[in-house]
Protein backbone atom coordinates (compact mmCIF):
# COMPACT_ATOMS: atom_id res chain seq x y z
CA MET A 1 147.42 117.35 31.53
CA THR A 2 147.62 116.93 35.37
CA THR A 3 150.06 114.51 36.71
CA VAL A 4 149.02 113.23 40.20
CA THR A 5 151.29 113.55 42.41
CA THR A 6 151.93 109.94 44.62
CA PHE A 7 154.33 109.45 47.58
CA ARG A 8 156.15 106.40 48.72
CA ILE A 9 155.33 105.37 52.35
CA SER A 10 158.56 106.25 53.25
CA GLU A 11 158.20 109.97 51.48
CA ALA A 12 154.73 110.14 53.65
CA ALA A 13 156.25 109.29 56.81
CA ASP A 14 158.83 111.71 56.38
CA LEU A 15 155.95 114.66 55.28
CA LEU A 16 153.71 114.08 58.12
CA GLY A 17 156.39 113.30 60.91
CA VAL A 18 155.86 109.78 61.73
CA SER A 19 157.26 106.53 61.21
CA ASP A 20 157.17 104.02 58.01
CA ASP A 21 155.18 101.51 60.31
CA THR A 22 152.70 103.88 61.41
CA VAL A 23 152.37 105.06 57.80
CA ARG A 24 151.55 101.20 56.67
CA ARG A 25 149.10 101.11 59.99
CA TRP A 26 147.08 103.57 58.68
CA ALA A 27 147.15 102.05 55.15
CA ASP A 28 146.32 98.20 56.86
CA SER A 29 143.15 100.02 58.64
CA GLY A 30 141.71 102.06 56.03
CA ARG A 31 142.59 105.30 57.61
CA LEU A 32 144.98 105.85 54.34
CA HIS A 33 144.05 104.53 50.74
CA THR A 34 146.96 103.44 48.68
CA SER A 35 147.89 101.99 45.34
CA ARG A 36 150.06 99.89 43.52
CA GLY A 37 152.43 101.90 41.33
CA GLU A 38 154.05 100.90 38.36
CA GLN A 39 156.90 98.84 40.19
CA GLY A 40 154.37 97.63 42.79
CA ARG A 41 155.57 99.10 45.51
CA LEU A 42 152.05 100.89 47.67
CA GLU A 43 151.76 104.85 46.75
CA ILE A 44 149.77 107.38 48.10
CA ALA A 45 147.82 110.22 46.22
CA GLY A 46 149.20 113.31 47.08
CA ALA A 47 145.80 114.78 47.84
CA GLU A 48 144.94 111.36 50.00
CA LEU A 49 148.53 112.61 51.85
CA ALA A 50 147.47 116.24 52.18
CA GLU A 51 143.43 115.28 53.48
CA LEU A 52 145.20 113.28 56.02
CA ALA A 53 147.72 116.20 57.02
CA ARG A 54 145.14 118.10 57.59
CA GLU A 55 143.02 115.71 59.82
CA LEU A 56 145.89 115.09 62.17
CA ALA A 57 146.80 118.76 62.32
CA ALA A 58 143.14 119.48 63.44
CA GLY A 59 141.77 116.66 65.44
CA ASP A 60 144.74 114.69 66.46
CA GLY A 61 146.74 118.43 68.18
CA LEU A 62 149.89 118.61 65.76
CA ALA A 63 148.43 121.95 65.42
CA ALA A 64 146.22 122.07 68.88
CA VAL A 65 146.79 124.98 71.11
CA PRO A 66 149.26 122.97 73.60
CA ALA A 67 148.12 122.88 77.42
CA GLY A 68 148.34 126.15 78.82
CA LEU A 69 148.88 128.50 75.98
CA GLY A 70 145.47 130.09 76.03
CA ARG A 71 143.98 131.39 72.94
CA GLU A 72 145.99 133.12 70.70
CA SER A 73 145.63 134.28 66.29
CA ALA A 74 148.51 132.64 65.36
CA ARG A 75 147.15 128.82 64.23
CA ASN A 76 151.19 127.74 63.80
CA ARG A 77 152.60 126.54 65.98
CA PHE A 78 155.46 124.21 67.05
CA ARG A 79 156.28 122.93 70.37
CA GLY A 80 159.64 121.57 71.50
CA ILE A 81 162.50 121.72 73.21
CA VAL A 82 165.49 125.48 73.34
CA THR A 83 168.52 123.95 72.36
CA ARG A 84 170.50 127.54 71.88
CA VAL A 85 170.13 130.72 73.35
CA VAL A 86 172.48 133.72 73.08
CA LYS A 87 172.12 136.77 74.60
CA ASP A 88 173.49 140.32 74.17
CA THR A 89 172.40 142.96 76.66
CA VAL A 90 169.42 143.99 75.00
CA MET A 91 168.49 140.95 72.32
CA ALA A 92 168.64 137.20 72.63
CA GLN A 93 168.12 134.49 69.94
CA VAL A 94 166.43 131.33 70.52
CA GLU A 95 166.67 128.55 68.92
CA LEU A 96 164.06 125.64 69.10
CA GLN A 97 163.69 121.74 67.28
CA ALA A 98 160.46 121.29 67.06
CA GLY A 99 160.41 117.43 65.54
CA PRO A 100 162.82 117.83 62.37
CA PHE A 101 161.93 122.05 62.43
CA ARG A 102 164.41 123.83 63.29
CA VAL A 103 162.54 127.48 64.80
CA VAL A 104 164.55 130.80 65.63
CA SER A 105 163.26 134.06 67.14
CA LEU A 106 164.84 136.86 67.87
CA MET A 107 163.43 138.79 70.71
CA SER A 108 164.09 140.96 73.84
CA ARG A 109 166.93 139.47 76.42
CA GLU A 110 164.22 140.97 79.10
CA ALA A 111 161.59 138.42 77.53
CA ALA A 112 163.70 135.28 77.13
CA ASP A 113 165.08 136.12 81.07
CA GLU A 114 161.27 136.20 82.41
CA LEU A 115 160.22 133.04 80.39
CA GLY A 116 164.10 130.90 81.86
CA LEU A 117 164.40 130.04 78.07
CA GLU A 118 167.57 128.02 78.08
CA PRO A 119 168.31 125.09 76.33
CA GLY A 120 166.85 122.09 77.55
CA VAL A 121 163.53 123.99 78.25
CA VAL A 122 160.27 122.68 76.28
CA ALA A 123 158.18 125.76 74.38
CA VAL A 124 156.14 126.72 72.16
CA ALA A 125 156.89 128.90 69.47
CA SER A 126 153.83 130.57 67.94
CA VAL A 127 154.21 131.71 64.18
CA LYS A 128 151.96 134.90 62.27
CA SER A 129 153.12 136.35 59.94
CA THR A 130 151.66 138.78 56.70
CA GLN A 131 154.61 136.97 54.79
CA VAL A 132 155.50 133.70 54.28
CA VAL A 133 158.19 132.03 51.42
CA ILE A 134 157.85 128.58 50.07
CA GLY A 135 159.59 126.37 48.15
CA ILE A 136 159.91 123.49 45.60
CA PRO A 137 163.01 121.37 47.10
CA GLY A 138 165.12 120.41 43.98
CA ASP A 139 167.64 121.49 41.30
CA SER A 140 167.55 125.12 41.37
């Protein structure tokens, strides 16, 4: 028997990176279907939430190519603000805060200098990997 995963409004908002009020507005407008759980709280089916996340990524620009970036094969793009740059003579470690996500990149110092990467600069991290590790949150 398959268990249907459901999410409370606050959980859905956290996963989508929006406010609770935004999720409620989407539910009120019919963009997101909800049901009442056992305790009377609004719940959203996991499949419904996943579909909305795909729509948001495709249509509202969450995963769209940022202006001026051009075309590339990487599909995972994170627009954010540079929060830290650590350089030595050859390499640089650049930290980017993209919403709730911290993205760290190692690159040549020359590349970081040419891009003018320093705290406060808006940048886009493009991620393309042949190996991505995905875990399930919770107890070990």
